[in-house]
């Protein structure tokens, strides 16, 4: 199944993806162009893009903060 994306009911629209990741349209298209998100169109080149739930979950997992990780917010160190 190389290169094939199988649509699922959990896949997201552009706006749903932007809302979940808290990004704008420019970043949305950049993530697809960079291969960070898997997207597809059903119905032809002018149909709306859909993003696979699996690729959104993979992207979010890359930024997950693991227990015991030092986290700094605006100059305040949580481990201090």
PDB file of N, CA and C in Angstrom:
ATOM      1  N   UNK A   1       0.814  -1.198   0.000  1.00  0.00           N
ATOM      2  CA  UNK A   1       0.000   0.000   0.000  1.00  0.00           C
ATOM      3  C   UNK A   1       0.856   1.260   0.000  1.00  0.00           C
ATOM      4  N   UNK A   2       1.974   1.226  -0.586  1.00  0.00           N
ATOM      5  CA  UNK A   2       2.900   2.344  -0.602  1.00  0.00           C
ATOM      6  C   UNK A   2       2.255   3.585  -1.217  1.00  0.00           C
ATOM      7  N   UNK A   3       2.267   4.693  -0.453  1.00  0.00           N
ATOM      8  CA  UNK A   3       1.739   5.954  -0.955  1.00  0.00           C
ATOM      9  C   UNK A   3       0.237   6.095  -0.905  1.00  0.00           C
ATOM     10  N   UNK A   4      -0.479   5.066  -0.519  1.00  0.00           N
ATOM     11  CA  UNK A   4      -1.939   5.136  -0.460  1.00  0.00           C
ATOM     12  C   UNK A   4      -2.406   5.570   0.915  1.00  0.00           C
ATOM     13  N   UNK A   5      -3.416   6.421   0.944  1.00  0.00           N
ATOM     14  CA  UNK A   5      -4.042   6.836   2.196  1.00  0.00           C
ATOM     15  C   UNK A   5      -5.467   6.308   2.172  1.00  0.00           C
ATOM     16  N   UNK A   6      -5.824   5.573   3.192  1.00  0.00           N
ATOM     17  CA  UNK A   6      -7.185   5.062   3.294  1.00  0.00           C
ATOM     18  C   UNK A   6      -7.985   5.976   4.207  1.00  0.00           C
ATOM     19  N   UNK A   7      -9.008   6.648   3.670  1.00  0.00           N
ATOM     20  CA  UNK A   7      -9.808   7.572   4.472  1.00  0.00           C
ATOM     21  C   UNK A   7     -10.535   6.867   5.619  1.00  0.00           C
ATOM     22  N   UNK A   8     -10.664   7.576   6.735  1.00  0.00           N
ATOM     23  CA  UNK A   8     -11.438   7.072   7.867  1.00  0.00           C
ATOM     24  C   UNK A   8     -12.375   8.163   8.343  1.00  0.00           C
ATOM     25  N   UNK A   9     -13.358   7.773   9.127  1.00  0.00           N
ATOM     26  CA  UNK A   9     -14.333   8.732   9.662  1.00  0.00           C
ATOM     27  C   UNK A   9     -13.687   9.712  10.636  1.00  0.00           C
ATOM     28  N   UNK A  10     -12.520   9.364  11.185  1.00  0.00           N
ATOM     29  CA  UNK A  10     -11.851  10.235  12.154  1.00  0.00           C
ATOM     30  C   UNK A  10     -10.975  11.297  11.504  1.00  0.00           C
ATOM     31  N   UNK A  11     -10.784  11.253  10.189  1.00  0.00           N
ATOM     32  CA  UNK A  11      -9.950  12.234   9.519  1.00  0.00           C
ATOM     33  C   UNK A  11     -10.547  13.627   9.673  1.00  0.00           C
ATOM     34  N   UNK A  12      -9.680  14.632   9.566  1.00  0.00           N
ATOM     35  CA  UNK A  12     -10.084  15.999   9.877  1.00  0.00           C
ATOM     36  C   UNK A  12     -10.086  16.909   8.651  1.00  0.00           C
ATOM     37  N   UNK A  13     -10.916  17.926   8.703  1.00  0.00           N
ATOM     38  CA  UNK A  13     -10.903  18.972   7.689  1.00  0.00           C
ATOM     39  C   UNK A  13      -9.747  19.920   8.005  1.00  0.00           C
ATOM     40  N   UNK A  14      -9.518  20.874   7.117  1.00  0.00           N
ATOM     41  CA  UNK A  14      -8.470  21.869   7.350  1.00  0.00           C
ATOM     42  C   UNK A  14      -8.744  22.629   8.634  1.00  0.00           C
ATOM     43  N   UNK A  15      -9.948  23.115   8.789  1.00  0.00           N
ATOM     44  CA  UNK A  15     -10.271  23.914   9.986  1.00  0.00           C
ATOM     45  C   UNK A  15     -10.188  23.096  11.269  1.00  0.00           C
ATOM     46  N   UNK A  16     -10.644  21.860  11.231  1.00  0.00           N
ATOM     47  CA  UNK A  16     -10.550  21.006  12.416  1.00  0.00           C
ATOM     48  C   UNK A  16      -9.085  20.776  12.806  1.00  0.00           C
ATOM     49  N   UNK A  17      -8.253  20.571  11.778  1.00  0.00           N
ATOM     50  CA  UNK A  17      -6.825  20.374  12.033  1.00  0.00           C
ATOM     51  C   UNK A  17      -6.205  21.635  12.613  1.00  0.00           C
ATOM     52  N   UNK A  18      -6.512  22.782  12.031  1.00  0.00           N
ATOM     53  CA  UNK A  18      -5.985  24.050  12.523  1.00  0.00           C
ATOM     54  C   UNK A  18      -6.406  24.292  13.973  1.00  0.00           C
ATOM     55  N   UNK A  19      -7.651  24.012  14.278  1.00  0.00           N
ATOM     56  CA  UNK A  19      -8.138  24.209  15.650  1.00  0.00           C
ATOM     57  C   UNK A  19      -7.449  23.269  16.631  1.00  0.00           C
ATOM     58  N   UNK A  20      -7.315  22.018  16.260  1.00  0.00           N
ATOM     59  CA  UNK A  20      -6.712  21.045  17.172  1.00  0.00           C
ATOM     60  C   UNK A  20      -5.237  21.342  17.427  1.00  0.00           C
ATOM     61  N   UNK A  21      -4.520  21.747  16.388  1.00  0.00           N
ATOM     62  CA  UNK A  21      -3.096  22.028  16.533  1.00  0.00           C
ATOM     63  C   UNK A  21      -2.820  23.488  16.893  1.00  0.00           C
ATOM     64  N   UNK A  22      -3.863  24.302  16.895  1.00  0.00           N
ATOM     65  CA  UNK A  22      -3.740  25.740  17.189  1.00  0.00           C
ATOM     66  C   UNK A  22      -2.745  26.414  16.246  1.00  0.00           C
ATOM     67  N   UNK A  23      -2.991  26.193  14.952  1.00  0.00           N
ATOM     68  CA  UNK A  23      -2.152  26.766  13.904  1.00  0.00           C
ATOM     69  C   UNK A  23      -3.043  27.500  12.908  1.00  0.00           C
ATOM     70  N   UNK A  24      -2.430  28.295  12.056  1.00  0.00           N
ATOM     71  CA  UNK A  24      -3.147  28.988  11.003  1.00  0.00           C
ATOM     72  C   UNK A  24      -3.048  28.249   9.677  1.00  0.00           C
ATOM     73  N   UNK A  25      -3.690  28.821   8.673  1.00  0.00           N
ATOM     74  CA  UNK A  25      -3.736  28.191   7.355  1.00  0.00           C
ATOM     75  C   UNK A  25      -2.349  28.040   6.736  1.00  0.00           C
ATOM     76  N   UNK A  26      -1.503  29.060   6.888  1.00  0.00           N
ATOM     77  CA  UNK A  26      -0.157  28.983   6.299  1.00  0.00           C
ATOM     78  C   UNK A  26       0.622  27.819   6.886  1.00  0.00           C
ATOM     79  N   UNK A  27       0.593  27.671   8.210  1.00  0.00           N
ATOM     80  CA  UNK A  27       1.306  26.576   8.873  1.00  0.00           C
ATOM     81  C   UNK A  27       0.697  25.233   8.471  1.00  0.00           C
ATOM     82  N   UNK A  28      -0.633  25.183   8.331  1.00  0.00           N
ATOM     83  CA  UNK A  28      -1.318  23.964   7.902  1.00  0.00           C
ATOM     84  C   UNK A  28      -0.749  23.467   6.578  1.00  0.00           C
ATOM     85  N   UNK A  29      -0.713  24.343   5.584  1.00  0.00           N
ATOM     86  CA  UNK A  29      -0.216  23.948   4.266  1.00  0.00           C
ATOM     87  C   UNK A  29       1.284  23.640   4.302  1.00  0.00           C
ATOM     88  N   UNK A  30       2.034  24.352   5.133  1.00  0.00           N
ATOM     89  CA  UNK A  30       3.465  24.085   5.269  1.00  0.00           C
ATOM     90  C   UNK A  30       3.709  22.687   5.834  1.00  0.00           C
ATOM     91  N   UNK A  31       2.934  22.284   6.850  1.00  0.00           N
ATOM     92  CA  UNK A  31       3.095  20.956   7.448  1.00  0.00           C
ATOM     93  C   UNK A  31       2.795  19.848   6.435  1.00  0.00           C
ATOM     94  N   UNK A  32       1.826  20.082   5.578  1.00  0.00           N
ATOM     95  CA  UNK A  32       1.526  19.102   4.525  1.00  0.00           C
ATOM     96  C   UNK A  32       2.667  19.075   3.514  1.00  0.00           C
ATOM     97  N   UNK A  33       3.120  20.248   3.084  1.00  0.00           N
ATOM     98  CA  UNK A  33       4.220  20.335   2.111  1.00  0.00           C
ATOM     99  C   UNK A  33       5.481  19.675   2.642  1.00  0.00           C
ATOM    100  N   UNK A  34       5.746  19.830   3.947  1.00  0.00           N
ATOM    101  CA  UNK A  34       6.945  19.250   4.568  1.00  0.00           C
ATOM    102  C   UNK A  34       6.796  17.765   4.888  1.00  0.00           C
ATOM    103  N   UNK A  35       5.609  17.209   4.663  1.00  0.00           N
ATOM    104  CA  UNK A  35       5.382  15.794   4.927  1.00  0.00           C
ATOM    105  C   UNK A  35       5.082  15.483   6.388  1.00  0.00           C
ATOM    106  N   UNK A  36       4.839  16.502   7.188  1.00  0.00           N
ATOM    107  CA  UNK A  36       4.520  16.299   8.605  1.00  0.00           C
ATOM    108  C   UNK A  36       3.091  15.780   8.800  1.00  0.00           C
ATOM    109  N   UNK A  37       2.185  16.184   7.900  1.00  0.00           N
ATOM    110  CA  UNK A  37       0.796  15.733   7.949  1.00  0.00           C
ATOM    111  C   UNK A  37       0.457  15.060   6.628  1.00  0.00           C
ATOM    112  N   UNK A  38      -0.288  13.952   6.719  1.00  0.00           N
ATOM    113  CA  UNK A  38      -0.753  13.243   5.526  1.00  0.00           C
ATOM    114  C   UNK A  38      -2.129  13.777   5.152  1.00  0.00           C
ATOM    115  N   UNK A  39      -2.248  14.254   3.918  1.00  0.00           N
ATOM    116  CA  UNK A  39      -3.510  14.825   3.456  1.00  0.00           C
ATOM    117  C   UNK A  39      -3.917  14.201   2.125  1.00  0.00           C
ATOM    118  N   UNK A  40      -5.199  14.275   1.864  1.00  0.00           N
ATOM    119  CA  UNK A  40      -5.727  13.730   0.611  1.00  0.00           C
ATOM    120  C   UNK A  40      -6.973  14.510   0.215  1.00  0.00           C
ATOM    121  N   UNK A  41      -7.374  14.347  -1.032  1.00  0.00           N
ATOM    122  CA  UNK A  41      -8.611  14.932  -1.554  1.00  0.00           C
ATOM    123  C   UNK A  41      -9.467  13.797  -2.109  1.00  0.00           C
ATOM    124  N   UNK A  42     -10.723  13.819  -1.783  1.00  0.00           N
ATOM    125  CA  UNK A  42     -11.679  12.884  -2.383  1.00  0.00           C
ATOM    126  C   UNK A  42     -12.525  13.663  -3.370  1.00  0.00           C
ATOM    127  N   UNK A  43     -12.566  13.219  -4.603  1.00  0.00           N
ATOM    128  CA  UNK A  43     -13.444  13.875  -5.564  1.00  0.00           C
ATOM    129  C   UNK A  43     -12.761  14.799  -6.546  1.00  0.00           C
ATOM    130  N   UNK A  44     -11.460  14.878  -6.534  1.00  0.00           N
ATOM    131  CA  UNK A  44     -10.791  15.697  -7.532  1.00  0.00           C
ATOM    132  C   UNK A  44      -9.948  16.809  -6.945  1.00  0.00           C
ATOM    133  N   UNK A  45      -9.251  17.535  -7.826  1.00  0.00           N
ATOM    134  CA  UNK A  45      -8.283  18.539  -7.388  1.00  0.00           C
ATOM    135  C   UNK A  45      -8.887  19.753  -6.689  1.00  0.00           C
ATOM    136  N   UNK A  46     -10.173  20.003  -6.848  1.00  0.00           N
ATOM    137  CA  UNK A  46     -10.791  21.170  -6.209  1.00  0.00           C
ATOM    138  C   UNK A  46     -11.564  20.802  -4.951  1.00  0.00           C
ATOM    139  N   UNK A  47     -11.585  19.524  -4.607  1.00  0.00           N
ATOM    140  CA  UNK A  47     -12.298  19.114  -3.401  1.00  0.00           C
ATOM    141  C   UNK A  47     -11.459  19.470  -2.170  1.00  0.00           C
ATOM    142  N   UNK A  48     -12.093  19.615  -1.006  1.00  0.00           N
ATOM    143  CA  UNK A  48     -11.368  20.019   0.198  1.00  0.00           C
ATOM    144  C   UNK A  48     -10.360  18.966   0.654  1.00  0.00           C
ATOM    145  N   UNK A  49      -9.297  19.447   1.252  1.00  0.00           N
ATOM    146  CA  UNK A  49      -8.295  18.551   1.818  1.00  0.00           C
ATOM    147  C   UNK A  49      -8.818  17.918   3.098  1.00  0.00           C
ATOM    148  N   UNK A  50      -8.442  16.685   3.331  1.00  0.00           N
ATOM    149  CA  UNK A  50      -8.688  15.983   4.588  1.00  0.00           C
ATOM    150  C   UNK A  50      -7.330  15.535   5.105  1.00  0.00           C
ATOM    151  N   UNK A  51      -7.156  15.564   6.418  1.00  0.00           N
ATOM    152  CA  UNK A  51      -5.897  15.162   7.047  1.00  0.00           C
ATOM    153  C   UNK A  51      -6.167  13.929   7.874  1.00  0.00           C
ATOM    154  N   UNK A  52      -5.278  12.954   7.780  1.00  0.00           N
ATOM    155  CA  UNK A  52      -5.498  11.719   8.521  1.00  0.00           C
ATOM    156  C   UNK A  52      -5.318  11.947  10.020  1.00  0.00           C
ATOM    157  N   UNK A  53      -6.195  11.331  10.790  1.00  0.00           N
ATOM    158  CA  UNK A  53      -6.119  11.399  12.252  1.00  0.00           C
ATOM    159  C   UNK A  53      -4.766  10.868  12.725  1.00  0.00           C
ATOM    160  N   UNK A  54      -4.290   9.798  12.096  1.00  0.00           N
ATOM    161  CA  UNK A  54      -3.023   9.193  12.496  1.00  0.00           C
ATOM    162  C   UNK A  54      -1.866  10.182  12.357  1.00  0.00           C
ATOM    163  N   UNK A  55      -1.843  10.975  11.286  1.00  0.00           N
ATOM    164  CA  UNK A  55      -0.736  11.914  11.101  1.00  0.00           C
ATOM    165  C   UNK A  55      -0.811  13.065  12.101  1.00  0.00           C
ATOM    166  N   UNK A  56      -2.016  13.500  12.461  1.00  0.00           N
ATOM    167  CA  UNK A  56      -2.170  14.540  13.484  1.00  0.00           C
ATOM    168  C   UNK A  56      -1.674  14.003  14.828  1.00  0.00           C
ATOM    169  N   UNK A  57      -2.056  12.786  15.159  1.00  0.00           N
ATOM    170  CA  UNK A  57      -1.615  12.174  16.418  1.00  0.00           C
ATOM    171  C   UNK A  57      -0.098  11.997  16.447  1.00  0.00           C
ATOM    172  N   UNK A  58       0.500  11.582  15.329  1.00  0.00           N
ATOM    173  CA  UNK A  58       1.963  11.446  15.254  1.00  0.00           C
ATOM    174  C   UNK A  58       2.647  12.791  15.460  1.00  0.00           C
ATOM    175  N   UNK A  59       2.100  13.816  14.817  1.00  0.00           N
ATOM    176  CA  UNK A  59       2.678  15.155  14.931  1.00  0.00           C
ATOM    177  C   UNK A  59       2.620  15.636  16.385  1.00  0.00           C
ATOM    178  N   UNK A  60       1.485  15.459  17.033  1.00  0.00           N
ATOM    179  CA  UNK A  60       1.345  15.877  18.432  1.00  0.00           C
ATOM    180  C   UNK A  60       2.269  15.084  19.348  1.00  0.00           C
ATOM    181  N   UNK A  61       2.462  13.817  19.070  1.00  0.00           N
ATOM    182  CA  UNK A  61       3.320  12.969  19.906  1.00  0.00           C
ATOM    183  C   UNK A  61       4.779  13.435  19.869  1.00  0.00           C
ATOM    184  N   UNK A  62       5.196  14.037  18.761  1.00  0.00           N
ATOM    185  CA  UNK A  62       6.567  14.537  18.654  1.00  0.00           C
ATOM    186  C   UNK A  62       6.853  15.626  19.681  1.00  0.00           C
ATOM    187  N   UNK A  63       5.806  16.313  20.141  1.00  0.00           N
ATOM    188  CA  UNK A  63       5.985  17.445  21.043  1.00  0.00           C
ATOM    189  C   UNK A  63       5.494  17.157  22.453  1.00  0.00           C
ATOM    190  N   UNK A  64       5.178  15.909  22.703  1.00  0.00           N
ATOM    191  CA  UNK A  64       4.695  15.526  24.030  1.00  0.00           C
ATOM    192  C   UNK A  64       5.795  15.732  25.061  1.00  0.00           C
ATOM    193  N   UNK A  65       5.428  16.312  26.201  1.00  0.00           N
ATOM    194  CA  UNK A  65       6.375  16.493  27.290  1.00  0.00           C
ATOM    195  C   UNK A  65       6.284  15.261  28.171  1.00  0.00           C
ATOM    196  N   UNK A  66       7.377  14.575  28.326  1.00  0.00           N
ATOM    197  CA  UNK A  66       7.410  13.343  29.112  1.00  0.00           C
ATOM    198  C   UNK A  66       7.576  13.668  30.591  1.00  0.00           C
ATOM    199  N   UNK A  67       7.038  12.816  31.470  1.00  0.00           N
ATOM    200  CA  UNK A  67       7.208  13.028  32.900  1.00  0.00           C
ATOM    201  C   UNK A  67       8.695  13.138  33.260  1.00  0.00           C
ATOM    202  N   UNK A  68       9.004  14.075  34.145  1.00  0.00           N
ATOM    203  CA  UNK A  68      10.379  14.275  34.568  1.00  0.00           C
ATOM    204  C   UNK A  68      11.162  15.239  33.693  1.00  0.00           C
ATOM    205  N   UNK A  69      10.557  15.696  32.592  1.00  0.00           N
ATOM    206  CA  UNK A  69      11.217  16.632  31.702  1.00  0.00           C
ATOM    207  C   UNK A  69      11.170  18.029  32.309  1.00  0.00           C
ATOM    208  N   UNK A  70      12.299  18.737  32.273  1.00  0.00           N
ATOM    209  CA  UNK A  70      12.319  20.117  32.754  1.00  0.00           C
ATOM    210  C   UNK A  70      11.553  20.980  31.772  1.00  0.00           C
ATOM    211  N   UNK A  71      10.638  21.774  32.287  1.00  0.00           N
ATOM    212  CA  UNK A  71       9.822  22.643  31.459  1.00  0.00           C
ATOM    213  C   UNK A  71       9.993  24.066  31.947  1.00  0.00           C
ATOM    214  N   UNK A  72      10.276  24.970  31.027  1.00  0.00           N
ATOM    215  CA  UNK A  72      10.431  26.374  31.369  1.00  0.00           C
ATOM    216  C   UNK A  72       9.367  27.165  30.628  1.00  0.00           C
ATOM    217  N   UNK A  73       8.668  28.028  31.371  1.00  0.00           N
ATOM    218  CA  UNK A  73       7.647  28.874  30.774  1.00  0.00           C
ATOM    219  C   UNK A  73       7.946  30.314  31.147  1.00  0.00           C
ATOM    220  N   UNK A  74       8.171  31.147  30.168  1.00  0.00           N
ATOM    221  CA  UNK A  74       8.422  32.562  30.376  1.00  0.00           C
ATOM    222  C   UNK A  74       9.467  32.833  31.455  1.00  0.00           C
ATOM    223  N   UNK A  75      10.522  32.074  31.435  1.00  0.00           N
ATOM    224  CA  UNK A  75      11.604  32.314  32.374  1.00  0.00           C
ATOM    225  C   UNK A  75      11.465  31.654  33.736  1.00  0.00           C
ATOM    226  N   UNK A  76      10.347  30.996  33.985  1.00  0.00           N
ATOM    227  CA  UNK A  76      10.161  30.308  35.250  1.00  0.00           C
ATOM    228  C   UNK A  76      10.472  28.835  35.053  1.00  0.00           C
ATOM    229  N   UNK A  77      11.380  28.304  35.815  1.00  0.00           N
ATOM    230  CA  UNK A  77      11.785  26.906  35.691  1.00  0.00           C
ATOM    231  C   UNK A  77      10.963  26.067  36.656  1.00  0.00           C
ATOM    232  N   UNK A  78      10.253  25.045  36.139  1.00  0.00           N
ATOM    233  CA  UNK A  78       9.372  24.219  36.976  1.00  0.00           C
ATOM    234  C   UNK A  78      10.138  23.368  37.981  1.00  0.00           C
ATOM    235  N   UNK A  79      11.412  23.128  37.732  1.00  0.00           N
ATOM    236  CA  UNK A  79      12.189  22.269  38.618  1.00  0.00           C
ATOM    237  C   UNK A  79      12.814  23.053  39.772  1.00  0.00           C
ATOM    238  N   UNK A  80      12.691  24.365  39.744  1.00  0.00           N
ATOM    239  CA  UNK A  80      13.334  25.204  40.762  1.00  0.00           C
ATOM    240  C   UNK A  80      12.606  25.152  42.090  1.00  0.00           C
TER     241      UNK A  80
END
